[in-house]
């Protein structure tokens, strides 16, 4: 039997930011409408993020926080029933197979990324940066 989602989230948050993979179409999810159309959404949470989440609350109901979307703050609620995976972006994570939406399982694989741009032409020196490192 898999551990509770809340416990996994709290454990991952001890050492890292957490990527929460959810179905934003589920009942009880509070997000901006434009984010509720797809079967899969990934939100990032953490205690020491560059844009701090001052009101991050993790309780028996789910994850509550004010998050910024398109530079605008939104109160959000993600009930545990909408969450189907979590990971720290590096080495630890968990998937709750029974909660994965059917249309996510059948989704085609992600297209491969575009190839890198061709190398600079020989004989051309790169332009020096006008930025300087400040101690």
Protein backbone atom coordinates (compact mmCIF):
# COMPACT_ATOMS: atom_id res chain seq x y z
CA UNK A 1 0.00 0.00 0.00
CA UNK A 2 1.27 3.46 -0.94
CA UNK A 3 1.80 6.17 1.67
CA UNK A 4 -0.64 9.05 1.96
CA UNK A 5 -0.06 11.93 -0.45
CA UNK A 6 0.12 14.44 2.38
CA UNK A 7 2.93 12.50 4.07
CA UNK A 8 4.88 12.19 0.80
CA UNK A 9 4.55 15.93 0.17
CA UNK A 10 5.72 16.84 3.67
CA UNK A 11 8.68 14.46 3.40
CA UNK A 12 9.77 15.80 0.00
CA UNK A 13 9.45 19.41 1.18
CA UNK A 14 12.04 18.78 3.91
CA UNK A 15 14.84 18.72 1.33
CA UNK A 16 13.55 20.16 -1.92
CA UNK A 17 10.91 21.89 -3.94
CA UNK A 18 8.08 19.57 -4.91
CA UNK A 19 6.49 19.16 -8.32
CA UNK A 20 2.85 18.15 -7.87
CA UNK A 21 1.25 16.49 -10.89
CA UNK A 22 -2.53 16.76 -10.88
CA UNK A 23 -5.73 16.58 -12.88
CA UNK A 24 -6.97 20.20 -12.76
CA UNK A 25 -10.43 19.17 -14.02
CA UNK A 26 -11.28 17.31 -10.80
CA UNK A 27 -13.97 18.60 -8.44
CA UNK A 28 -12.72 20.91 -5.73
CA UNK A 29 -9.68 22.20 -7.64
CA UNK A 30 -9.39 25.98 -7.39
CA UNK A 31 -7.17 27.42 -10.14
CA UNK A 32 -7.46 30.09 -12.83
CA UNK A 33 -9.86 28.80 -15.52
CA UNK A 34 -7.24 28.67 -18.29
CA UNK A 35 -5.33 26.02 -16.29
CA UNK A 36 -8.32 23.70 -15.81
CA UNK A 37 -8.67 22.49 -19.40
CA UNK A 38 -5.90 19.89 -19.73
CA UNK A 39 -5.82 16.45 -18.09
CA UNK A 40 -2.40 17.10 -16.52
CA UNK A 41 -0.87 20.09 -14.79
CA UNK A 42 2.36 20.39 -12.81
CA UNK A 43 2.63 22.93 -10.00
CA UNK A 44 5.79 23.64 -8.02
CA UNK A 45 5.80 24.19 -4.26
CA UNK A 46 8.55 24.83 -1.74
CA UNK A 47 9.47 26.68 1.40
CA UNK A 48 12.53 28.49 0.05
CA UNK A 49 11.57 29.38 -3.51
CA UNK A 50 12.73 32.59 -5.25
CA UNK A 51 9.10 33.77 -5.15
CA UNK A 52 8.16 32.69 -1.59
CA UNK A 53 4.77 31.10 -0.98
CA UNK A 54 3.99 32.76 2.34
CA UNK A 55 0.62 31.05 2.86
CA UNK A 56 1.54 27.50 1.80
CA UNK A 57 -0.69 25.15 3.78
CA UNK A 58 -0.64 21.37 3.57
CA UNK A 59 -3.43 19.70 5.48
CA UNK A 60 -5.86 16.78 5.28
CA UNK A 61 -7.93 18.58 2.62
CA UNK A 62 -5.04 19.25 0.23
CA UNK A 63 -2.59 21.98 -0.74
CA UNK A 64 -3.57 25.63 -0.34
CA UNK A 65 -1.42 28.51 -1.49
CA UNK A 66 -1.40 31.81 -3.31
CA UNK A 67 0.46 31.19 -6.54
CA UNK A 68 1.39 33.55 -9.33
CA UNK A 69 0.14 32.85 -12.86
CA UNK A 70 0.93 35.33 -15.63
CA UNK A 71 2.28 37.68 -12.94
CA UNK A 72 -1.02 37.74 -11.10
CA UNK A 73 -1.61 36.18 -7.66
CA UNK A 74 -4.35 33.54 -7.33
CA UNK A 75 -5.60 31.66 -4.29
CA UNK A 76 -5.43 27.97 -5.11
CA UNK A 77 -6.66 24.73 -3.60
CA UNK A 78 -5.54 21.33 -4.82
CA UNK A 79 -7.47 18.53 -3.09
CA UNK A 80 -5.54 15.30 -2.63
CA UNK A 81 -8.05 13.52 -4.90
CA UNK A 82 -6.72 15.57 -7.86
CA UNK A 83 -3.04 14.70 -7.21
CA UNK A 84 -1.68 11.63 -8.99
CA UNK A 85 2.10 12.10 -8.76
CA UNK A 86 4.79 14.07 -6.91
CA UNK A 87 8.54 14.33 -7.31
CA UNK A 88 11.45 16.48 -6.25
CA UNK A 89 12.72 16.99 -9.79
CA UNK A 90 15.80 14.94 -9.10
CA UNK A 91 15.64 11.52 -7.52
CA UNK A 92 12.57 10.94 -5.35
CA UNK A 93 8.92 10.72 -6.27
CA UNK A 94 5.74 8.68 -6.27
CA UNK A 95 2.84 7.93 -8.61
CA UNK A 96 -0.63 6.92 -7.43
CA UNK A 97 -1.67 4.85 -10.48
CA UNK A 98 -5.33 4.62 -9.46
CA UNK A 99 -5.63 8.43 -9.64
CA UNK A 100 -3.95 8.92 -13.04
CA UNK A 101 -6.60 10.17 -15.51
CA UNK A 102 -7.36 7.69 -18.31
CA UNK A 103 -6.63 10.29 -20.99
CA UNK A 104 -3.15 10.84 -19.52
CA UNK A 105 -2.31 7.14 -19.74
CA UNK A 106 -3.34 7.05 -23.39
CA UNK A 107 -1.64 10.32 -24.30
CA UNK A 108 0.91 10.10 -27.10
CA UNK A 109 4.56 10.53 -26.09
CA UNK A 110 5.89 14.04 -25.84
CA UNK A 111 7.46 15.23 -29.11
CA UNK A 112 11.22 15.25 -29.04
CA UNK A 113 12.76 18.65 -28.40
CA UNK A 114 13.94 20.73 -31.31
CA UNK A 115 17.54 20.08 -32.33
CA UNK A 116 20.09 22.56 -31.00
CA UNK A 117 20.97 25.50 -33.26
CA UNK A 118 23.96 24.99 -35.55
CA UNK A 119 27.33 26.10 -34.16
CA UNK A 120 28.52 29.63 -34.87
CA UNK A 121 30.29 30.17 -38.17
CA UNK A 122 34.05 29.70 -37.91
CA UNK A 123 36.06 32.88 -37.86
CA UNK A 124 33.34 34.89 -36.14
CA UNK A 125 34.15 35.86 -32.59
CA UNK A 126 31.26 35.91 -30.12
CA UNK A 127 30.36 39.38 -29.02
CA UNK A 128 31.53 40.08 -25.44
CA UNK A 129 28.81 40.44 -22.88
CA UNK A 130 28.13 43.84 -21.38
CA UNK A 131 27.21 42.15 -18.10
CA UNK A 132 29.75 41.89 -15.31
CA UNK A 133 29.86 39.65 -12.28
CA UNK A 134 29.36 41.64 -9.10
CA UNK A 135 30.61 40.06 -5.86
